[in-house]
PDB file of N, CA and C in Angstrom:
ATOM      1  N   MET A   1      11.728 -32.544 -14.638  1.00  0.00           N
ATOM      2  CA  MET A   1      11.222 -31.476 -13.812  1.00  0.00           C
ATOM      3  C   MET A   1      11.654 -30.130 -14.402  1.00  0.00           C
ATOM      4  N   PRO A   2      10.709 -29.194 -14.572  1.00  0.00           N
ATOM      5  CA  PRO A   2      11.104 -27.887 -15.120  1.00  0.00           C
ATOM      6  C   PRO A   2      11.948 -27.117 -14.106  1.00  0.00           C
ATOM      7  N   PRO A   3      12.852 -26.277 -14.600  1.00  0.00           N
ATOM      8  CA  PRO A   3      13.675 -25.490 -13.679  1.00  0.00           C
ATOM      9  C   PRO A   3      12.814 -24.493 -12.913  1.00  0.00           C
ATOM     10  N   LYS A   4      13.249 -24.211 -11.687  1.00  0.00           N
ATOM     11  CA  LYS A   4      12.539 -23.230 -10.874  1.00  0.00           C
ATOM     12  C   LYS A   4      12.721 -21.851 -11.487  1.00  0.00           C
ATOM     13  N   LYS A   5      11.642 -21.078 -11.444  1.00  0.00           N
ATOM     14  CA  LYS A   5      11.728 -19.706 -11.932  1.00  0.00           C
ATOM     15  C   LYS A   5      12.460 -18.864 -10.908  1.00  0.00           C
ATOM     16  N   LYS A   6      13.345 -18.029 -11.393  1.00  0.00           N
ATOM     17  CA  LYS A   6      14.035 -17.092 -10.517  1.00  0.00           C
ATOM     18  C   LYS A   6      13.071 -15.989 -10.115  1.00  0.00           C
ATOM     19  N   LYS A   7      13.156 -15.602  -8.859  1.00  0.00           N
ATOM     20  CA  LYS A   7      12.346 -14.475  -8.405  1.00  0.00           C
ATOM     21  C   LYS A   7      12.898 -13.217  -9.057  1.00  0.00           C
ATOM     22  N   ALA A   8      12.013 -12.430  -9.627  1.00  0.00           N
ATOM     23  CA  ALA A   8      12.445 -11.190 -10.269  1.00  0.00           C
ATOM     24  C   ALA A   8      13.048 -10.257  -9.233  1.00  0.00           C
ATOM     25  N   ALA A   9      14.056  -9.551  -9.630  1.00  0.00           N
ATOM     26  CA  ALA A   9      14.716  -8.619  -8.719  1.00  0.00           C
ATOM     27  C   ALA A   9      14.628  -7.210  -9.278  1.00  0.00           C
ATOM     28  N   GLY A  10      14.479  -6.266  -8.371  1.00  0.00           N
ATOM     29  CA  GLY A  10      14.444  -4.865  -8.764  1.00  0.00           C
ATOM     30  C   GLY A  10      15.849  -4.295  -8.821  1.00  0.00           C
ATOM     31  N   THR A  11      15.936  -3.083  -9.259  1.00  0.00           N
ATOM     32  CA  THR A  11      17.199  -2.364  -9.335  1.00  0.00           C
ATOM     33  C   THR A  11      17.150  -1.239  -8.301  1.00  0.00           C
ATOM     34  N   PRO A  12      17.895  -1.376  -7.193  1.00  0.00           N
ATOM     35  CA  PRO A  12      17.815  -0.390  -6.118  1.00  0.00           C
ATOM     36  C   PRO A  12      18.052   1.053  -6.560  1.00  0.00           C
ATOM     37  N   ALA A  13      18.998   1.289  -7.449  1.00  0.00           N
ATOM     38  CA  ALA A  13      19.268   2.665  -7.887  1.00  0.00           C
ATOM     39  C   ALA A  13      18.053   3.251  -8.612  1.00  0.00           C
ATOM     40  N   LYS A  14      17.382   2.429  -9.407  1.00  0.00           N
ATOM     41  CA  LYS A  14      16.172   2.903 -10.090  1.00  0.00           C
ATOM     42  C   LYS A  14      15.055   3.124  -9.077  1.00  0.00           C
ATOM     43  N   GLY A  15      14.963   2.225  -8.099  1.00  0.00           N
ATOM     44  CA  GLY A  15      13.962   2.370  -7.050  1.00  0.00           C
ATOM     45  C   GLY A  15      14.155   3.646  -6.244  1.00  0.00           C
ATOM     46  N   GLU A  16      15.407   3.989  -5.975  1.00  0.00           N
ATOM     47  CA  GLU A  16      15.703   5.228  -5.250  1.00  0.00           C
ATOM     48  C   GLU A  16      15.226   6.443  -6.036  1.00  0.00           C
ATOM     49  N   LYS A  17      15.446   6.415  -7.334  1.00  0.00           N
ATOM     50  CA  LYS A  17      15.012   7.525  -8.190  1.00  0.00           C
ATOM     51  C   LYS A  17      13.484   7.622  -8.215  1.00  0.00           C
ATOM     52  N   ILE A  18      12.818   6.479  -8.311  1.00  0.00           N
ATOM     53  CA  ILE A  18      11.354   6.457  -8.305  1.00  0.00           C
ATOM     54  C   ILE A  18      10.831   6.997  -6.976  1.00  0.00           C
ATOM     55  N   PHE A  19      11.464   6.571  -5.866  1.00  0.00           N
ATOM     56  CA  PHE A  19      11.067   7.061  -4.547  1.00  0.00           C
ATOM     57  C   PHE A  19      11.200   8.586  -4.479  1.00  0.00           C
ATOM     58  N   LYS A  20      12.336   9.090  -4.927  1.00  0.00           N
ATOM     59  CA  LYS A  20      12.560  10.542  -4.881  1.00  0.00           C
ATOM     60  C   LYS A  20      11.539  11.294  -5.724  1.00  0.00           C
ATOM     61  N   ASN A  21      11.186  10.743  -6.880  1.00  0.00           N
ATOM     62  CA  ASN A  21      10.259  11.416  -7.795  1.00  0.00           C
ATOM     63  C   ASN A  21       8.792  11.292  -7.387  1.00  0.00           C
ATOM     64  N   LEU A  22       8.413  10.162  -6.829  1.00  0.00           N
ATOM     65  CA  LEU A  22       6.998   9.917  -6.550  1.00  0.00           C
ATOM     66  C   LEU A  22       6.619   9.938  -5.074  1.00  0.00           C
ATOM     67  N   CYS A  23       7.517   9.535  -4.206  1.00  0.00           N
ATOM     68  CA  CYS A  23       7.153   9.312  -2.802  1.00  0.00           C
ATOM     69  C   CYS A  23       7.668  10.385  -1.846  1.00  0.00           C
ATOM     70  N   ALA A  24       8.861  10.899  -2.132  1.00  0.00           N
ATOM     71  CA  ALA A  24       9.516  11.812  -1.190  1.00  0.00           C
ATOM     72  C   ALA A  24       8.784  13.142  -1.026  1.00  0.00           C
ATOM     73  N   VAL A  25       7.812  13.413  -1.876  1.00  0.00           N
ATOM     74  CA  VAL A  25       7.008  14.621  -1.717  1.00  0.00           C
ATOM     75  C   VAL A  25       6.279  14.575  -0.369  1.00  0.00           C
ATOM     76  N   CYS A  26       5.843  13.389   0.031  1.00  0.00           N
ATOM     77  CA  CYS A  26       5.071  13.235   1.276  1.00  0.00           C
ATOM     78  C   CYS A  26       5.722  12.328   2.314  1.00  0.00           C
ATOM     79  N   HIS A  27       6.705  11.546   1.907  1.00  0.00           N
ATOM     80  CA  HIS A  27       7.313  10.563   2.808  1.00  0.00           C
ATOM     81  C   HIS A  27       8.816  10.767   2.935  1.00  0.00           C
ATOM     82  N   ALA A  28       9.342  10.397   4.089  1.00  0.00           N
ATOM     83  CA  ALA A  28      10.780  10.322   4.322  1.00  0.00           C
ATOM     84  C   ALA A  28      11.072   8.902   4.799  1.00  0.00           C
ATOM     85  N   LEU A  29      12.330   8.544   4.851  1.00  0.00           N
ATOM     86  CA  LEU A  29      12.678   7.222   5.346  1.00  0.00           C
ATOM     87  C   LEU A  29      12.742   7.195   6.869  1.00  0.00           C
ATOM     88  N   ALA A  30      13.209   8.291   7.482  1.00  0.00           N
ATOM     89  CA  ALA A  30      13.483   8.272   8.911  1.00  0.00           C
ATOM     90  C   ALA A  30      12.424   8.930   9.791  1.00  0.00           C
ATOM     91  N   GLY A  31      11.656   9.857   9.291  1.00  0.00           N
ATOM     92  CA  GLY A  31      10.691  10.545  10.146  1.00  0.00           C
ATOM     93  C   GLY A  31       9.381  10.785   9.435  1.00  0.00           C
ATOM     94  N   HIS A  32       8.318  10.909  10.238  1.00  0.00           N
ATOM     95  CA  HIS A  32       7.004  11.170   9.663  1.00  0.00           C
ATOM     96  C   HIS A  32       6.948  12.565   9.065  1.00  0.00           C
ATOM     97  N   SER A  33       6.185  12.694   8.025  1.00  0.00           N
ATOM     98  CA  SER A  33       5.953  13.969   7.350  1.00  0.00           C
ATOM     99  C   SER A  33       4.454  14.021   7.079  1.00  0.00           C
ATOM    100  N   THR A  34       4.056  14.409   5.883  1.00  0.00           N
ATOM    101  CA  THR A  34       2.648  14.315   5.507  1.00  0.00           C
ATOM    102  C   THR A  34       2.204  12.856   5.593  1.00  0.00           C
ATOM    103  N   GLY A  35       3.093  11.967   5.160  1.00  0.00           N
ATOM    104  CA  GLY A  35       2.869  10.531   5.264  1.00  0.00           C
ATOM    105  C   GLY A  35       3.822   9.937   6.277  1.00  0.00           C
ATOM    106  N   PRO A  36       3.615   8.680   6.652  1.00  0.00           N
ATOM    107  CA  PRO A  36       4.493   8.051   7.640  1.00  0.00           C
ATOM    108  C   PRO A  36       5.888   7.774   7.080  1.00  0.00           C
ATOM    109  N   ALA A  37       6.848   7.645   7.987  1.00  0.00           N
ATOM    110  CA  ALA A  37       8.205   7.260   7.599  1.00  0.00           C
ATOM    111  C   ALA A  37       8.153   5.868   6.979  1.00  0.00           C
ATOM    112  N   LEU A  38       8.940   5.668   5.937  1.00  0.00           N
ATOM    113  CA  LEU A  38       8.883   4.392   5.214  1.00  0.00           C
ATOM    114  C   LEU A  38      10.108   3.506   5.407  1.00  0.00           C
ATOM    115  N   GLY A  39      11.160   4.014   6.014  1.00  0.00           N
ATOM    116  CA  GLY A  39      12.363   3.209   6.215  1.00  0.00           C
ATOM    117  C   GLY A  39      12.105   2.030   7.135  1.00  0.00           C
ATOM    118  N   GLY A  40      12.449   0.845   6.683  1.00  0.00           N
ATOM    119  CA  GLY A  40      12.340  -0.355   7.510  1.00  0.00           C
ATOM    120  C   GLY A  40      10.942  -0.910   7.685  1.00  0.00           C
ATOM    121  N   VAL A  41       9.985  -0.519   6.854  1.00  0.00           N
ATOM    122  CA  VAL A  41       8.618  -1.023   7.035  1.00  0.00           C
ATOM    123  C   VAL A  41       8.435  -2.450   6.509  1.00  0.00           C
ATOM    124  N   ALA A  42       9.308  -2.911   5.634  1.00  0.00           N
ATOM    125  CA  ALA A  42       9.162  -4.262   5.076  1.00  0.00           C
ATOM    126  C   ALA A  42       9.118  -5.289   6.211  1.00  0.00           C
ATOM    127  N   GLY A  43       8.095  -6.123   6.180  1.00  0.00           N
ATOM    128  CA  GLY A  43       7.943  -7.181   7.169  1.00  0.00           C
ATOM    129  C   GLY A  43       7.219  -6.761   8.439  1.00  0.00           C
ATOM    130  N   THR A  44       6.932  -5.465   8.591  1.00  0.00           N
ATOM    131  CA  THR A  44       6.219  -5.001   9.786  1.00  0.00           C
ATOM    132  C   THR A  44       4.723  -4.984   9.528  1.00  0.00           C
ATOM    133  N   ASN A  45       3.958  -4.835  10.581  1.00  0.00           N
ATOM    134  CA  ASN A  45       2.516  -4.732  10.422  1.00  0.00           C
ATOM    135  C   ASN A  45       2.162  -3.424   9.718  1.00  0.00           C
ATOM    136  N   ILE A  46       1.137  -3.493   8.908  1.00  0.00           N
ATOM    137  CA  ILE A  46       0.642  -2.321   8.192  1.00  0.00           C
ATOM    138  C   ILE A  46       0.022  -1.349   9.198  1.00  0.00           C
ATOM    139  N   ALA A  47       0.244  -0.065   8.985  1.00  0.00           N
ATOM    140  CA  ALA A  47      -0.339   1.008   9.808  1.00  0.00           C
ATOM    141  C   ALA A  47       0.009   0.856  11.280  1.00  0.00           C
ATOM    142  N   ALA A  48       1.245   0.482  11.569  1.00  0.00           N
ATOM    143  CA  ALA A  48       1.616   0.198  12.964  1.00  0.00           C
ATOM    144  C   ALA A  48       2.732   1.077  13.521  1.00  0.00           C
ATOM    145  N   GLN A  49       3.180   2.072  12.780  1.00  0.00           N
ATOM    146  CA  GLN A  49       4.249   2.918  13.294  1.00  0.00           C
ATOM    147  C   GLN A  49       3.711   3.896  14.325  1.00  0.00           C
ATOM    148  N   ASP A  50       4.393   3.987  15.440  1.00  0.00           N
ATOM    149  CA  ASP A  50       4.002   4.932  16.488  1.00  0.00           C
ATOM    150  C   ASP A  50       4.140   6.365  15.990  1.00  0.00           C
ATOM    151  N   GLY A  51       3.242   7.208  16.426  1.00  0.00           N
ATOM    152  CA  GLY A  51       3.355   8.624  16.148  1.00  0.00           C
ATOM    153  C   GLY A  51       2.760   9.091  14.835  1.00  0.00           C
ATOM    154  N   PHE A  52       2.073   8.216  14.128  1.00  0.00           N
ATOM    155  CA  PHE A  52       1.422   8.636  12.887  1.00  0.00           C
ATOM    156  C   PHE A  52      -0.048   8.258  12.944  1.00  0.00           C
ATOM    157  N   GLY A  53      -0.924   9.165  12.514  1.00  0.00           N
ATOM    158  CA  GLY A  53      -2.360   8.920  12.513  1.00  0.00           C
ATOM    159  C   GLY A  53      -2.815   8.348  11.177  1.00  0.00           C
ATOM    160  N   TYR A  54      -2.980   7.054  11.129  1.00  0.00           N
ATOM    161  CA  TYR A  54      -3.401   6.376   9.901  1.00  0.00           C
ATOM    162  C   TYR A  54      -4.911   6.477   9.707  1.00  0.00           C
ATOM    163  N   SER A  55      -5.342   6.431   8.466  1.00  0.00           N
ATOM    164  CA  SER A  55      -6.775   6.407   8.166  1.00  0.00           C
ATOM    165  C   SER A  55      -7.371   5.101   8.692  1.00  0.00           C
ATOM    166  N   SER A  56      -8.665   5.118   8.924  1.00  0.00           N
ATOM    167  CA  SER A  56      -9.318   3.886   9.384  1.00  0.00           C
ATOM    168  C   SER A  56      -9.240   2.808   8.303  1.00  0.00           C
ATOM    169  N   ALA A  57      -9.230   3.226   7.043  1.00  0.00           N
ATOM    170  CA  ALA A  57      -9.126   2.253   5.944  1.00  0.00           C
ATOM    171  C   ALA A  57      -7.808   1.491   6.004  1.00  0.00           C
ATOM    172  N   LEU A  58      -6.714   2.197   6.251  1.00  0.00           N
ATOM    173  CA  LEU A  58      -5.425   1.514   6.329  1.00  0.00           C
ATOM    174  C   LEU A  58      -5.273   0.810   7.676  1.00  0.00           C
ATOM    175  N   SER A  59      -5.782   1.410   8.736  1.00  0.00           N
ATOM    176  CA  SER A  59      -5.717   0.777  10.057  1.00  0.00           C
ATOM    177  C   SER A  59      -6.446  -0.561  10.073  1.00  0.00           C
ATOM    178  N   SER A  60      -7.449  -0.721   9.223  1.00  0.00           N
ATOM    179  CA  SER A  60      -8.180  -1.985   9.155  1.00  0.00           C
ATOM    180  C   SER A  60      -7.303  -3.119   8.616  1.00  0.00           C
ATOM    181  N   LYS A  61      -6.149  -2.770   8.052  1.00  0.00           N
ATOM    182  CA  LYS A  61      -5.211  -3.772   7.521  1.00  0.00           C
ATOM    183  C   LYS A  61      -4.087  -4.073   8.519  1.00  0.00           C
ATOM    184  N   ALA A  62      -4.177  -3.550   9.738  1.00  0.00           N
ATOM    185  CA  ALA A  62      -3.075  -3.625  10.706  1.00  0.00           C
ATOM    186  C   ALA A  62      -2.698  -5.042  11.125  1.00  0.00           C
ATOM    187  N   THR A  63      -3.548  -6.021  10.881  1.00  0.00           N
ATOM    188  CA  THR A  63      -3.187  -7.401  11.216  1.00  0.00           C
ATOM    189  C   THR A  63      -2.340  -8.038  10.116  1.00  0.00           C
ATOM    190  N   LEU A  64      -2.226  -7.351   8.965  1.00  0.00           N
ATOM    191  CA  LEU A  64      -1.404  -7.832   7.860  1.00  0.00           C
ATOM    192  C   LEU A  64      -0.011  -7.228   7.945  1.00  0.00           C
ATOM    193  N   LYS A  65       0.924  -7.859   7.289  1.00  0.00           N
ATOM    194  CA  LYS A  65       2.298  -7.353   7.248  1.00  0.00           C
ATOM    195  C   LYS A  65       2.596  -6.769   5.869  1.00  0.00           C
ATOM    196  N   TRP A  66       3.604  -5.895   5.837  1.00  0.00           N
ATOM    197  CA  TRP A  66       4.086  -5.353   4.565  1.00  0.00           C
ATOM    198  C   TRP A  66       4.983  -6.404   3.914  1.00  0.00           C
ATOM    199  N   THR A  67       4.360  -7.415   3.336  1.00  0.00           N
ATOM    200  CA  THR A  67       5.072  -8.426   2.565  1.00  0.00           C
ATOM    201  C   THR A  67       5.333  -7.865   1.171  1.00  0.00           C
ATOM    202  N   ASP A  68       6.142  -8.553   0.393  1.00  0.00           N
ATOM    203  CA  ASP A  68       6.362  -8.127  -0.991  1.00  0.00           C
ATOM    204  C   ASP A  68       5.033  -8.052  -1.741  1.00  0.00           C
ATOM    205  N   ALA A  69       4.163  -9.050  -1.526  1.00  0.00           N
ATOM    206  CA  ALA A  69       2.878  -9.089  -2.237  1.00  0.00           C
ATOM    207  C   ALA A  69       1.978  -7.934  -1.816  1.00  0.00           C
ATOM    208  N   ASN A  70       1.891  -7.661  -0.508  1.00  0.00           N
ATOM    209  CA  ASN A  70       1.045  -6.552  -0.050  1.00  0.00           C
ATOM    210  C   ASN A  70       1.605  -5.201  -0.482  1.00  0.00           C
ATOM    211  N   MET A  71       2.917  -5.067  -0.448  1.00  0.00           N
ATOM    212  CA  MET A  71       3.529  -3.810  -0.891  1.00  0.00           C
ATOM    213  C   MET A  71       3.245  -3.593  -2.373  1.00  0.00           C
ATOM    214  N   ASN A  72       3.333  -4.657  -3.163  1.00  0.00           N
ATOM    215  CA  ASN A  72       3.051  -4.555  -4.592  1.00  0.00           C
ATOM    216  C   ASN A  72       1.605  -4.128  -4.834  1.00  0.00           C
ATOM    217  N   LYS A  73       0.675  -4.739  -4.106  1.00  0.00           N
ATOM    218  CA  LYS A  73      -0.742  -4.373  -4.262  1.00  0.00           C
ATOM    219  C   LYS A  73      -0.967  -2.912  -3.872  1.00  0.00           C
ATOM    220  N   TRP A  74      -0.355  -2.482  -2.778  1.00  0.00           N
ATOM    221  CA  TRP A  74      -0.499  -1.096  -2.311  1.00  0.00           C
ATOM    222  C   TRP A  74       0.054  -0.115  -3.334  1.00  0.00           C
ATOM    223  N   LEU A  75       1.268  -0.402  -3.811  1.00  0.00           N
ATOM    224  CA  LEU A  75       1.895   0.513  -4.763  1.00  0.00           C
ATOM    225  C   LEU A  75       1.159   0.549  -6.101  1.00  0.00           C
ATOM    226  N   LYS A  76       0.589  -0.567  -6.487  1.00  0.00           N
ATOM    227  CA  LYS A  76      -0.153  -0.619  -7.745  1.00  0.00           C
ATOM    228  C   LYS A  76      -1.409   0.245  -7.679  1.00  0.00           C
ATOM    229  N   GLY A  77      -2.110   0.192  -6.560  1.00  0.00           N
ATOM    230  CA  GLY A  77      -3.343   0.965  -6.422  1.00  0.00           C
ATOM    231  C   GLY A  77      -3.748   1.093  -4.969  1.00  0.00           C
ATOM    232  N   PRO A  78      -3.270   2.132  -4.281  1.00  0.00           N
ATOM    233  CA  PRO A  78      -3.621   2.297  -2.871  1.00  0.00           C
ATOM    234  C   PRO A  78      -5.132   2.276  -2.618  1.00  0.00           C
ATOM    235  N   ALA A  79      -5.908   2.873  -3.509  1.00  0.00           N
ATOM    236  CA  ALA A  79      -7.359   2.912  -3.325  1.00  0.00           C
ATOM    237  C   ALA A  79      -7.993   1.532  -3.493  1.00  0.00           C
ATOM    238  N   ASP A  80      -7.361   0.662  -4.261  1.00  0.00           N
ATOM    239  CA  ASP A  80      -7.866  -0.701  -4.419  1.00  0.00           C
ATOM    240  C   ASP A  80      -7.481  -1.560  -3.215  1.00  0.00           C
ATOM    241  N   PHE A  81      -6.271  -1.344  -2.694  1.00  0.00           N
ATOM    242  CA  PHE A  81      -5.778  -2.131  -1.552  1.00  0.00           C
ATOM    243  C   PHE A  81      -6.527  -1.769  -0.276  1.00  0.00           C
ATOM    244  N   ALA A  82      -6.733  -0.476  -0.046  1.00  0.00           N
ATOM    245  CA  ALA A  82      -7.407  -0.008   1.165  1.00  0.00           C
ATOM    246  C   ALA A  82      -8.384   1.107   0.770  1.00  0.00           C
ATOM    247  N   PRO A  83      -9.560   0.734   0.255  1.00  0.00           N
ATOM    248  CA  PRO A  83     -10.533   1.745  -0.173  1.00  0.00           C
ATOM    249  C   PRO A  83     -10.852   2.731   0.957  1.00  0.00           C
ATOM    250  N   GLY A  84     -10.792   4.026   0.618  1.00  0.00           N
ATOM    251  CA  GLY A  84     -11.066   5.062   1.597  1.00  0.00           C
ATOM    252  C   GLY A  84      -9.834   5.557   2.343  1.00  0.00           C
ATOM    253  N   ASN A  85      -8.634   5.064   1.959  1.00  0.00           N
ATOM    254  CA  ASN A  85      -7.418   5.539   2.625  1.00  0.00           C
ATOM    255  C   ASN A  85      -7.191   7.009   2.293  1.00  0.00           C
ATOM    256  N   ALA A  86      -6.322   7.650   3.066  1.00  0.00           N
ATOM    257  CA  ALA A  86      -6.131   9.101   2.937  1.00  0.00           C
ATOM    258  C   ALA A  86      -5.023   9.495   1.967  1.00  0.00           C
ATOM    259  N   MET A  87      -4.347   8.544   1.363  1.00  0.00           N
ATOM    260  CA  MET A  87      -3.236   8.887   0.480  1.00  0.00           C
ATOM    261  C   MET A  87      -3.743   9.287  -0.902  1.00  0.00           C
ATOM    262  N   ALA A  88      -3.438  10.509  -1.289  1.00  0.00           N
ATOM    263  CA  ALA A  88      -3.854  11.022  -2.592  1.00  0.00           C
ATOM    264  C   ALA A  88      -2.798  10.663  -3.630  1.00  0.00           C
ATOM    265  N   PHE A  89      -2.779   9.408  -4.009  1.00  0.00           N
ATOM    266  CA  PHE A  89      -1.778   8.900  -4.953  1.00  0.00           C
ATOM    267  C   PHE A  89      -2.418   7.775  -5.741  1.00  0.00           C
ATOM    268  N   ALA A  90      -2.377   7.868  -7.058  1.00  0.00           N
ATOM    269  CA  ALA A  90      -3.041   6.879  -7.912  1.00  0.00           C
ATOM    270  C   ALA A  90      -2.339   5.533  -7.926  1.00  0.00           C
ATOM    271  N   GLY A  91      -1.031   5.531  -7.717  1.00  0.00           N
ATOM    272  CA  GLY A  91      -0.276   4.284  -7.731  1.00  0.00           C
ATOM    273  C   GLY A  91       0.820   4.290  -8.762  1.00  0.00           C
ATOM    274  N   VAL A  92       1.549   3.193  -8.792  1.00  0.00           N
ATOM    275  CA  VAL A  92       2.664   3.004  -9.730  1.00  0.00           C
ATOM    276  C   VAL A  92       2.215   1.911 -10.696  1.00  0.00           C
ATOM    277  N   PRO A  93       1.799   2.289 -11.907  1.00  0.00           N
ATOM    278  CA  PRO A  93       1.214   1.308 -12.809  1.00  0.00           C
ATOM    279  C   PRO A  93       2.174   0.249 -13.353  1.00  0.00           C
ATOM    280  N   ALA A  94       3.436   0.603 -13.555  1.00  0.00           N
ATOM    281  CA  ALA A  94       4.394  -0.327 -14.175  1.00  0.00           C
ATOM    282  C   ALA A  94       4.948  -1.312 -13.147  1.00  0.00           C
ATOM    283  N   ALA A  95       4.745  -2.610 -13.412  1.00  0.00           N
ATOM    284  CA  ALA A  95       5.221  -3.653 -12.500  1.00  0.00           C
ATOM    285  C   ALA A  95       6.728  -3.544 -12.253  1.00  0.00           C
ATOM    286  N   LYS A  96       7.498  -3.248 -13.287  1.00  0.00           N
ATOM    287  CA  LYS A  96       8.948  -3.127 -13.137  1.00  0.00           C
ATOM    288  C   LYS A  96       9.316  -1.992 -12.179  1.00  0.00           C
ATOM    289  N   ASP A  97       8.608  -0.884 -12.266  1.00  0.00           N
ATOM    290  CA  ASP A  97       8.864   0.233 -11.360  1.00  0.00           C
ATOM    291  C   ASP A  97       8.530  -0.154  -9.922  1.00  0.00           C
ATOM    292  N   ARG A  98       7.454  -0.901  -9.720  1.00  0.00           N
ATOM    293  CA  ARG A  98       7.105  -1.348  -8.362  1.00  0.00           C
ATOM    294  C   ARG A  98       8.154  -2.313  -7.831  1.00  0.00           C
ATOM    295  N   LEU A  99       8.701  -3.126  -8.664  1.00  0.00           N
ATOM    296  CA  LEU A  99       9.736  -4.075  -8.265  1.00  0.00           C
ATOM    297  C   LEU A  99      11.028  -3.364  -7.872  1.00  0.00           C
ATOM    298  N   ASP A 100      11.333  -2.277  -8.576  1.00  0.00           N
ATOM    299  CA  ASP A 100      12.533  -1.503  -8.260  1.00  0.00           C
ATOM    300  C   ASP A 100      12.387  -0.859  -6.894  1.00  0.00           C
TER     301      ASP A 100
END
């Protein structure tokens, strides 16, 4: 039997830097800004935070959860994940950066 593949792990310190450089312009962890607060969204329903007006494109995904796979798809290409969403961001092309 072949050995199980280890799940790839990101580097939190690198992820924090990427967040500050790419995301913090519009997002915070604790409160809504131009974009919704992002702290603690992992595992929650998409477009479900109270007090933020989501686009209909993202709201149409509200029955899905922010799983690792969905977060990866969103970060790779928001316009591909939810065509017509309001986020003016092309995405994070490097898989390693998305993992971080």
